[in-house]
Amino acid sequence: RAQYIRVMFDEITRILNHLMWLGAHGLDVGAM
């Protein structure tokens, strides 16, 4: 159960990271 929770939060973190990236990258190149 702990392994499944870890994997779930790893993927939540992946989405968090990519959302941060997409927002900041968009801002950098003009997609405000």
Full PDB file with SEQRES, HELIX, SHEET, SSBOND, CRYST1, ORIGX, SCALE, CONECT and MASTER records, all heavy atoms in Angstrom:
SEQRES   1 A   32  ARG ALA GLN TYR ILE ARG VAL MET PHE ASP GLU ILE THR          
SEQRES   2 A   32  ARG ILE LEU ASN HIS LEU MET TRP LEU GLY ALA HIS GLY          
SEQRES   3 A   32  LEU ASP VAL GLY ALA MET                                      
HELIX    1 AA1 ALA A    2  VAL A   29  1                                  28    
CRYST1    1.000    1.000    1.000  90.00  90.00  90.00 P 1           1          
ORIGX1      1.000000  0.000000  0.000000        0.00000                         
ORIGX2      0.000000  1.000000  0.000000        0.00000                         
ORIGX3      0.000000  0.000000  1.000000        0.00000                         
SCALE1      1.000000  0.000000  0.000000        0.00000                         
SCALE2      0.000000  1.000000  0.000000        0.00000                         
SCALE3      0.000000  0.000000  1.000000        0.00000                         
ATOM      1  N   ARG A   1       0.839  -1.207   0.000  1.00  0.00           N  
ATOM      2  CA  ARG A   1       0.000   0.000   0.000  1.00  0.00           C  
ATOM      3  C   ARG A   1       0.881   1.267   0.000  1.00  0.00           C  
ATOM      4  O   ARG A   1       0.591   2.215  -0.730  1.00  0.00           O  
ATOM      5  CB  ARG A   1      -0.942   0.008   1.212  1.00  0.00           C  
ATOM      6  CG  ARG A   1      -1.908   1.185   1.219  1.00  0.00           C  
ATOM      7  CD  ARG A   1      -2.971   1.097   2.306  1.00  0.00           C  
ATOM      8  NE  ARG A   1      -3.753   2.313   2.399  1.00  0.00           N  
ATOM      9  CZ  ARG A   1      -4.823   2.583   1.671  1.00  0.00           C  
ATOM     10  NH1 ARG A   1      -5.239   1.719   0.772  1.00  0.00           N  
ATOM     11  NH2 ARG A   1      -5.482   3.724   1.829  1.00  0.00           N  
ATOM     12  N   ALA A   2       1.944   1.234   0.790  1.00  0.00           N  
ATOM     13  CA  ALA A   2       2.871   2.379   0.822  1.00  0.00           C  
ATOM     14  C   ALA A   2       3.520   2.574  -0.553  1.00  0.00           C  
ATOM     15  O   ALA A   2       3.727   3.711  -0.999  1.00  0.00           O  
ATOM     16  CB  ALA A   2       3.938   2.162   1.890  1.00  0.00           C  
ATOM     17  N   GLN A   3       3.835   1.476  -1.243  1.00  0.00           N  
ATOM     18  CA  GLN A   3       4.441   1.578  -2.572  1.00  0.00           C  
ATOM     19  C   GLN A   3       3.481   2.234  -3.564  1.00  0.00           C  
ATOM     20  O   GLN A   3       3.877   3.072  -4.379  1.00  0.00           O  
ATOM     21  CB  GLN A   3       4.847   0.188  -3.073  1.00  0.00           C  
ATOM     22  CG  GLN A   3       5.991  -0.430  -2.271  1.00  0.00           C  
ATOM     23  CD  GLN A   3       6.428  -1.766  -2.829  1.00  0.00           C  
ATOM     24  OE1 GLN A   3       6.587  -1.933  -4.022  1.00  0.00           O  
ATOM     25  NE2 GLN A   3       6.629  -2.741  -1.962  1.00  0.00           N  
ATOM     26  N   TYR A   4       2.202   1.848  -3.494  1.00  0.00           N  
ATOM     27  CA  TYR A   4       1.207   2.462  -4.377  1.00  0.00           C  
ATOM     28  C   TYR A   4       1.030   3.954  -4.066  1.00  0.00           C  
ATOM     29  O   TYR A   4       0.884   4.783  -4.978  1.00  0.00           O  
ATOM     30  CB  TYR A   4      -0.141   1.737  -4.266  1.00  0.00           C  
ATOM     31  CG  TYR A   4      -0.292   0.610  -5.267  1.00  0.00           C  
ATOM     32  CD1 TYR A   4       0.016  -0.697  -4.925  1.00  0.00           C  
ATOM     33  CD2 TYR A   4      -0.740   0.855  -6.557  1.00  0.00           C  
ATOM     34  CE1 TYR A   4      -0.115  -1.737  -5.841  1.00  0.00           C  
ATOM     35  CE2 TYR A   4      -0.886  -0.175  -7.486  1.00  0.00           C  
ATOM     36  CZ  TYR A   4      -0.564  -1.462  -7.120  1.00  0.00           C  
ATOM     37  OH  TYR A   4      -0.694  -2.474  -8.047  1.00  0.00           O  
ATOM     38  N   ILE A   5       1.042   4.301  -2.775  1.00  0.00           N  
ATOM     39  CA  ILE A   5       0.922   5.714  -2.393  1.00  0.00           C  
ATOM     40  C   ILE A   5       2.124   6.503  -2.932  1.00  0.00           C  
ATOM     41  O   ILE A   5       1.974   7.598  -3.484  1.00  0.00           O  
ATOM     42  CB  ILE A   5       0.804   5.865  -0.858  1.00  0.00           C  
ATOM     43  CG1 ILE A   5      -0.538   5.317  -0.377  1.00  0.00           C  
ATOM     44  CG2 ILE A   5       0.961   7.322  -0.443  1.00  0.00           C  
ATOM     45  CD1 ILE A   5      -0.686   5.253   1.144  1.00  0.00           C  
ATOM     46  N   ARG A   6       3.327   5.928  -2.798  1.00  0.00           N  
ATOM     47  CA  ARG A   6       4.534   6.596  -3.309  1.00  0.00           C  
ATOM     48  C   ARG A   6       4.443   6.825  -4.818  1.00  0.00           C  
ATOM     49  O   ARG A   6       4.744   7.921  -5.310  1.00  0.00           O  
ATOM     50  CB  ARG A   6       5.779   5.750  -2.996  1.00  0.00           C  
ATOM     51  CG  ARG A   6       6.226   5.808  -1.554  1.00  0.00           C  
ATOM     52  CD  ARG A   6       7.443   4.926  -1.373  1.00  0.00           C  
ATOM     53  NE  ARG A   6       7.961   4.900  -0.021  1.00  0.00           N  
ATOM     54  CZ  ARG A   6       9.052   4.211   0.332  1.00  0.00           C  
ATOM     55  NH1 ARG A   6       9.711   3.522  -0.568  1.00  0.00           N  
ATOM     56  NH2 ARG A   6       9.461   4.234   1.599  1.00  0.00           N  
ATOM     57  N   VAL A   7       4.031   5.800  -5.539  1.00  0.00           N  
ATOM     58  CA  VAL A   7       3.931   5.921  -6.999  1.00  0.00           C  
ATOM     59  C   VAL A   7       2.896   6.986  -7.360  1.00  0.00           C  
ATOM     60  O   VAL A   7       3.128   7.823  -8.242  1.00  0.00           O  
ATOM     61  CB  VAL A   7       3.578   4.552  -7.634  1.00  0.00           C  
ATOM     62  CG1 VAL A   7       3.129   4.726  -9.085  1.00  0.00           C  
ATOM     63  CG2 VAL A   7       4.775   3.613  -7.558  1.00  0.00           C  
ATOM     64  N   MET A   8       1.766   6.982  -6.657  1.00  0.00           N  
ATOM     65  CA  MET A   8       0.717   7.977  -6.927  1.00  0.00           C  
ATOM     66  C   MET A   8       1.245   9.397  -6.710  1.00  0.00           C  
ATOM     67  O   MET A   8       1.049  10.282  -7.555  1.00  0.00           O  
ATOM     68  CB  MET A   8      -0.497   7.719  -6.029  1.00  0.00           C  
ATOM     69  CG  MET A   8      -1.647   8.680  -6.271  1.00  0.00           C  
ATOM     70  SD  MET A   8      -3.146   8.252  -5.357  1.00  0.00           S  
ATOM     71  CE  MET A   8      -2.698   8.837  -3.703  1.00  0.00           C  
ATOM     72  N   PHE A   9       1.967   9.600  -5.601  1.00  0.00           N  
ATOM     73  CA  PHE A   9       2.487  10.940  -5.332  1.00  0.00           C  
ATOM     74  C   PHE A   9       3.674  11.299  -6.229  1.00  0.00           C  
ATOM     75  O   PHE A   9       3.887  12.470  -6.524  1.00  0.00           O  
ATOM     76  CB  PHE A   9       2.820  11.113  -3.846  1.00  0.00           C  
ATOM     77  CG  PHE A   9       1.640  11.637  -3.078  1.00  0.00           C  
ATOM     78  CD1 PHE A   9       0.812  10.779  -2.392  1.00  0.00           C  
ATOM     79  CD2 PHE A   9       1.325  12.984  -3.076  1.00  0.00           C  
ATOM     80  CE1 PHE A   9      -0.308  11.252  -1.716  1.00  0.00           C  
ATOM     81  CE2 PHE A   9       0.211  13.470  -2.402  1.00  0.00           C  
ATOM     82  CZ  PHE A   9      -0.608  12.608  -1.721  1.00  0.00           C  
ATOM     83  N   ASP A  10       4.440  10.304  -6.682  1.00  0.00           N  
ATOM     84  CA  ASP A  10       5.481  10.579  -7.688  1.00  0.00           C  
ATOM     85  C   ASP A  10       4.843  11.158  -8.952  1.00  0.00           C  
ATOM     86  O   ASP A  10       5.359  12.091  -9.559  1.00  0.00           O  
ATOM     87  CB  ASP A  10       6.232   9.294  -8.049  1.00  0.00           C  
ATOM     88  CG  ASP A  10       7.417   9.033  -7.119  1.00  0.00           C  
ATOM     89  OD1 ASP A  10       7.445   9.646  -6.023  1.00  0.00           O  
ATOM     90  OD2 ASP A  10       8.301   8.235  -7.470  1.00  0.00           O  
ATOM     91  N   GLU A  11       3.716  10.561  -9.364  1.00  0.00           N  
ATOM     92  CA  GLU A  11       3.069  11.025 -10.592  1.00  0.00           C  
ATOM     93  C   GLU A  11       2.347  12.355 -10.381  1.00  0.00           C  
ATOM     94  O   GLU A  11       2.303  13.188 -11.289  1.00  0.00           O  
ATOM     95  CB  GLU A  11       2.105   9.954 -11.128  1.00  0.00           C  
ATOM     96  CG  GLU A  11       2.793   8.649 -11.515  1.00  0.00           C  
ATOM     97  CD  GLU A  11       3.987   8.845 -12.455  1.00  0.00           C  
ATOM     98  OE1 GLU A  11       3.881   9.632 -13.409  1.00  0.00           O  
ATOM     99  OE2 GLU A  11       5.043   8.226 -12.216  1.00  0.00           O  
ATOM    100  N   ILE A  12       1.780  12.568  -9.191  1.00  0.00           N  
ATOM    101  CA  ILE A  12       1.221  13.890  -8.863  1.00  0.00           C  
ATOM    102  C   ILE A  12       2.344  14.936  -8.958  1.00  0.00           C  
ATOM    103  O   ILE A  12       2.156  16.021  -9.514  1.00  0.00           O  
ATOM    104  CB  ILE A  12       0.567  13.878  -7.459  1.00  0.00           C  
ATOM    105  CG1 ILE A  12      -0.778  13.143  -7.510  1.00  0.00           C  
ATOM    106  CG2 ILE A  12       0.394  15.294  -6.910  1.00  0.00           C  
ATOM    107  CD1 ILE A  12      -1.439  12.934  -6.143  1.00  0.00           C  
ATOM    108  N   THR A  13       3.519  14.576  -8.435  1.00  0.00           N  
ATOM    109  CA  THR A  13       4.677  15.477  -8.483  1.00  0.00           C  
ATOM    110  C   THR A  13       5.110  15.726  -9.926  1.00  0.00           C  
ATOM    111  O   THR A  13       5.475  16.840 -10.288  1.00  0.00           O  
ATOM    112  CB  THR A  13       5.847  14.885  -7.660  1.00  0.00           C  
ATOM    113  OG1 THR A  13       5.392  14.595  -6.336  1.00  0.00           O  
ATOM    114  CG2 THR A  13       7.014  15.840  -7.597  1.00  0.00           C  
ATOM    115  N   ARG A  14       5.063  14.685 -10.770  1.00  0.00           N  
ATOM    116  CA  ARG A  14       5.434  14.841 -12.190  1.00  0.00           C  
ATOM    117  C   ARG A  14       4.505  15.863 -12.868  1.00  0.00           C  
ATOM    118  O   ARG A  14       4.967  16.733 -13.592  1.00  0.00           O  
ATOM    119  CB  ARG A  14       5.349  13.489 -12.911  1.00  0.00           C  
ATOM    120  CG  ARG A  14       6.098  13.451 -14.284  1.00  0.00           C  
ATOM    121  CD  ARG A  14       6.083  12.019 -14.888  1.00  0.00           C  
ATOM    122  NE  ARG A  14       6.421  11.026 -13.924  1.00  0.00           N  
ATOM    123  CZ  ARG A  14       7.659  10.722 -13.553  1.00  0.00           C  
ATOM    124  NH1 ARG A  14       8.653  11.324 -14.101  1.00  0.00           N  
ATOM    125  NH2 ARG A  14       7.891   9.799 -12.640  1.00  0.00           N  
ATOM    126  N   ILE A  15       3.207  15.753 -12.587  1.00  0.00           N  
ATOM    127  CA  ILE A  15       2.259  16.711 -13.171  1.00  0.00           C  
ATOM    128  C   ILE A  15       2.530  18.109 -12.619  1.00  0.00           C  
ATOM    129  O   ILE A  15       2.541  19.093 -13.368  1.00  0.00           O  
ATOM    130  CB  ILE A  15       0.795  16.277 -12.896  1.00  0.00           C  
ATOM    131  CG1 ILE A  15       0.488  14.955 -13.628  1.00  0.00           C  
ATOM    132  CG2 ILE A  15      -0.173  17.360 -13.339  1.00  0.00           C  
ATOM    133  CD1 ILE A  15      -0.893  14.379 -13.317  1.00  0.00           C  
ATOM    134  N   LEU A  16       2.792  18.206 -11.299  1.00  0.00           N  
ATOM    135  CA  LEU A  16       3.120  19.502 -10.683  1.00  0.00           C  
ATOM    136  C   LEU A  16       4.321  20.137 -11.379  1.00  0.00           C  
ATOM    137  O   LEU A  16       4.314  21.327 -11.692  1.00  0.00           O  
ATOM    138  CB  LEU A  16       3.450  19.322  -9.194  1.00  0.00           C  
ATOM    139  CG  LEU A  16       2.302  19.360  -8.190  1.00  0.00           C  
ATOM    140  CD1 LEU A  16       2.797  18.926  -6.821  1.00  0.00           C  
ATOM    141  CD2 LEU A  16       1.709  20.750  -8.089  1.00  0.00           C  
ATOM    142  N   ASN A  17       5.353  19.339 -11.607  1.00  0.00           N  
ATOM    143  CA  ASN A  17       6.585  19.819 -12.240  1.00  0.00           C  
ATOM    144  C   ASN A  17       6.300  20.292 -13.660  1.00  0.00           C  
ATOM    145  O   ASN A  17       6.708  21.386 -14.062  1.00  0.00           O  
ATOM    146  CB  ASN A  17       7.632  18.703 -12.248  1.00  0.00           C  
ATOM    147  CG  ASN A  17       8.961  19.154 -12.847  1.00  0.00           C  
ATOM    148  OD1 ASN A  17       9.886  19.479 -12.134  1.00  0.00           O  
ATOM    149  ND2 ASN A  17       9.070  19.182 -14.156  1.00  0.00           N  
ATOM    150  N   HIS A  18       5.596  19.460 -14.427  1.00  0.00           N  
ATOM    151  CA  HIS A  18       5.347  19.792 -15.836  1.00  0.00           C  
ATOM    152  C   HIS A  18       4.411  20.992 -15.975  1.00  0.00           C  
ATOM    153  O   HIS A  18       4.529  21.766 -16.925  1.00  0.00           O  
ATOM    154  CB  HIS A  18       4.792  18.580 -16.577  1.00  0.00           C  
ATOM    155  CG  HIS A  18       5.818  17.506 -16.825  1.00  0.00           C  
ATOM    156  ND1 HIS A  18       7.171  17.673 -16.553  1.00  0.00           N  
ATOM    157  CD2 HIS A  18       5.721  16.243 -17.344  1.00  0.00           C  
ATOM    158  CE1 HIS A  18       7.828  16.566 -16.881  1.00  0.00           C  
ATOM    159  NE2 HIS A  18       6.983  15.695 -17.351  1.00  0.00           N  
ATOM    160  N   LEU A  19       3.474  21.153 -15.035  1.00  0.00           N  
ATOM    161  CA  LEU A  19       2.616  22.340 -15.068  1.00  0.00           C  
ATOM    162  C   LEU A  19       3.436  23.596 -14.798  1.00  0.00           C  
ATOM    163  O   LEU A  19       3.246  24.631 -15.450  1.00  0.00           O  
ATOM    164  CB  LEU A  19       1.478  22.220 -14.042  1.00  0.00           C  
ATOM    165  CG  LEU A  19       0.326  21.274 -14.394  1.00  0.00           C  
ATOM    166  CD1 LEU A  19      -0.629  21.147 -13.217  1.00  0.00           C  
ATOM    167  CD2 LEU A  19      -0.438  21.737 -15.626  1.00  0.00           C  
ATOM    168  N   MET A  20       4.317  23.507 -13.831  1.00  0.00           N  
ATOM    169  CA  MET A  20       5.217  24.624 -13.538  1.00  0.00           C  
ATOM    170  C   MET A  20       6.051  24.950 -14.785  1.00  0.00           C  
ATOM    171  O   MET A  20       6.206  26.113 -15.164  1.00  0.00           O  
ATOM    172  CB  MET A  20       6.136  24.233 -12.366  1.00  0.00           C  
ATOM    173  CG  MET A  20       7.194  25.258 -12.033  1.00  0.00           C  
ATOM    174  SD  MET A  20       6.486  26.591 -11.068  1.00  0.00           S  
ATOM    175  CE  MET A  20       7.728  27.791 -11.181  1.00  0.00           C  
ATOM    176  N   TRP A  21       6.593  23.889 -15.392  1.00  0.00           N  
ATOM    177  CA  TRP A  21       7.425  24.065 -16.589  1.00  0.00           C  
ATOM    178  C   TRP A  21       6.629  24.723 -17.718  1.00  0.00           C  
ATOM    179  O   TRP A  21       7.077  25.675 -18.334  1.00  0.00           O  
ATOM    180  CB  TRP A  21       7.975  22.704 -17.052  1.00  0.00           C  
ATOM    181  CG  TRP A  21       8.608  22.804 -18.401  1.00  0.00           C  
ATOM    182  CD1 TRP A  21       9.880  23.258 -18.664  1.00  0.00           C  
ATOM    183  CD2 TRP A  21       8.010  22.531 -19.669  1.00  0.00           C  
ATOM    184  NE1 TRP A  21      10.086  23.265 -20.021  1.00  0.00           N  
ATOM    185  CE2 TRP A  21       8.956  22.829 -20.656  1.00  0.00           C  
ATOM    186  CE3 TRP A  21       6.746  22.054 -20.053  1.00  0.00           C  
ATOM    187  CZ2 TRP A  21       8.688  22.661 -22.015  1.00  0.00           C  
ATOM    188  CZ3 TRP A  21       6.475  21.896 -21.403  1.00  0.00           C  
ATOM    189  CH2 TRP A  21       7.445  22.201 -22.366  1.00  0.00           C  
ATOM    190  N   LEU A  22       5.437  24.192 -17.988  1.00  0.00           N  
ATOM    191  CA  LEU A  22       4.639  24.690 -19.107  1.00  0.00           C  
ATOM    192  C   LEU A  22       4.241  26.148 -18.888  1.00  0.00           C  
ATOM    193  O   LEU A  22       4.320  26.958 -19.813  1.00  0.00           O  
ATOM    194  CB  LEU A  22       3.386  23.813 -19.274  1.00  0.00           C  
ATOM    195  CG  LEU A  22       2.520  24.070 -20.507  1.00  0.00           C  
ATOM    196  CD1 LEU A  22       3.319  23.912 -21.781  1.00  0.00           C  
ATOM    197  CD2 LEU A  22       1.317  23.118 -20.529  1.00  0.00           C  
ATOM    198  N   GLY A  23       3.839  26.476 -17.658  1.00  0.00           N  
ATOM    199  CA  GLY A  23       3.461  27.861 -17.356  1.00  0.00           C  
ATOM    200  C   GLY A  23       4.631  28.815 -17.508  1.00  0.00           C  
ATOM    201  O   GLY A  23       4.520  29.866 -18.156  1.00  0.00           O  
ATOM    202  N   ALA A  24       5.793  28.437 -16.938  1.00  0.00           N  
ATOM    203  CA  ALA A  24       6.972  29.311 -16.977  1.00  0.00           C  
ATOM    204  C   ALA A  24       7.541  29.406 -18.395  1.00  0.00           C  
ATOM    205  O   ALA A  24       7.920  30.479 -18.859  1.00  0.00           O  
ATOM    206  CB  ALA A  24       8.029  28.783 -16.007  1.00  0.00           C  
ATOM    207  N   HIS A  25       7.605  28.255 -19.090  1.00  0.00           N  
ATOM    208  CA  HIS A  25       8.121  28.221 -20.464  1.00  0.00           C  
ATOM    209  C   HIS A  25       7.219  29.040 -21.389  1.00  0.00           C  
ATOM    210  O   HIS A  25       7.706  29.804 -22.231  1.00  0.00           O  
ATOM    211  CB  HIS A  25       8.202  26.759 -20.924  1.00  0.00           C  
ATOM    212  CG  HIS A  25       8.885  26.557 -22.244  1.00  0.00           C  
ATOM    213  ND1 HIS A  25      10.019  27.261 -22.616  1.00  0.00           N  
ATOM    214  CD2 HIS A  25       8.611  25.712 -23.285  1.00  0.00           C  
ATOM    215  CE1 HIS A  25      10.397  26.863 -23.830  1.00  0.00           C  
ATOM    216  NE2 HIS A  25       9.557  25.942 -24.243  1.00  0.00           N  
ATOM    217  N   GLY A  26       5.910  28.879 -21.206  1.00  0.00           N  
ATOM    218  CA  GLY A  26       4.961  29.674 -21.987  1.00  0.00           C  
ATOM    219  C   GLY A  26       5.170  31.163 -21.755  1.00  0.00           C  
ATOM    220  O   GLY A  26       5.226  31.961 -22.705  1.00  0.00           O  
ATOM    221  N   LEU A  27       5.325  31.539 -20.503  1.00  0.00           N  
ATOM    222  CA  LEU A  27       5.548  32.942 -20.140  1.00  0.00           C  
ATOM    223  C   LEU A  27       6.830  33.469 -20.798  1.00  0.00           C  
ATOM    224  O   LEU A  27       6.859  34.584 -21.310  1.00  0.00           O  
ATOM    225  CB  LEU A  27       5.655  33.053 -18.613  1.00  0.00           C  
ATOM    226  CG  LEU A  27       5.401  34.411 -17.958  1.00  0.00           C  
ATOM    227  CD1 LEU A  27       4.015  34.917 -18.207  1.00  0.00           C  
ATOM    228  CD2 LEU A  27       5.645  34.319 -16.451  1.00  0.00           C  
ATOM    229  N   ASP A  28       7.872  32.637 -20.790  1.00  0.00           N  
ATOM    230  CA  ASP A  28       9.169  33.031 -21.361  1.00  0.00           C  
ATOM    231  C   ASP A  28       9.083  33.334 -22.851  1.00  0.00           C  
ATOM    232  O   ASP A  28       9.717  34.252 -23.344  1.00  0.00           O  
ATOM    233  CB  ASP A  28      10.210  31.925 -21.159  1.00  0.00           C  
ATOM    234  CG  ASP A  28      10.723  31.862 -19.734  1.00  0.00           C  
ATOM    235  OD1 ASP A  28      10.491  32.824 -18.986  1.00  0.00           O  
ATOM    236  OD2 ASP A  28      11.351  30.853 -19.378  1.00  0.00           O  
ATOM    237  N   VAL A  29       8.325  32.518 -23.561  1.00  0.00           N  
ATOM    238  CA  VAL A  29       8.317  32.692 -25.031  1.00  0.00           C  
ATOM    239  C   VAL A  29       7.058  33.400 -25.535  1.00  0.00           C  
ATOM    240  O   VAL A  29       6.785  33.431 -26.718  1.00  0.00           O  
ATOM    241  CB  VAL A  29       8.544  31.360 -25.784  1.00  0.00           C  
ATOM    242  CG1 VAL A  29       9.880  30.812 -25.543  1.00  0.00           C  
ATOM    243  CG2 VAL A  29       7.532  30.346 -25.482  1.00  0.00           C  
ATOM    244  N   GLY A  30       6.280  33.963 -24.600  1.00  0.00           N  
ATOM    245  CA  GLY A  30       5.211  34.871 -25.004  1.00  0.00           C  
ATOM    246  C   GLY A  30       3.791  34.384 -24.879  1.00  0.00           C  
ATOM    247  O   GLY A  30       2.846  35.102 -25.196  1.00  0.00           O  
ATOM    248  N   ALA A  31       3.573  33.134 -24.416  1.00  0.00           N  
ATOM    249  CA  ALA A  31       2.205  32.637 -24.229  1.00  0.00           C  
ATOM    250  C   ALA A  31       1.756  32.955 -22.806  1.00  0.00           C  
ATOM    251  O   ALA A  31       1.802  32.118 -21.905  1.00  0.00           O  
ATOM    252  CB  ALA A  31       2.149  31.133 -24.508  1.00  0.00           C  
ATOM    253  N   MET A  32       1.335  34.157 -22.596  1.00  0.00           N  
ATOM    254  CA  MET A  32       1.134  34.690 -21.248  1.00  0.00           C  
ATOM    255  C   MET A  32       0.067  33.949 -20.439  1.00  0.00           C  
ATOM    256  O   MET A  32       0.227  33.688 -19.248  1.00  0.00           O  
ATOM    257  CB  MET A  32       0.732  36.169 -21.307  1.00  0.00           C  
ATOM    258  CG  MET A  32       1.743  37.035 -22.013  1.00  0.00           C  
ATOM    259  SD  MET A  32       3.319  37.033 -21.179  1.00  0.00           S  
ATOM    260  CE  MET A  32       3.843  38.618 -21.242  1.00  0.00           C  
TER     261      MET A  32                                                      
MASTER        0    0    0    1    0    0    0    6  260    1    0    3          
END                                                                             
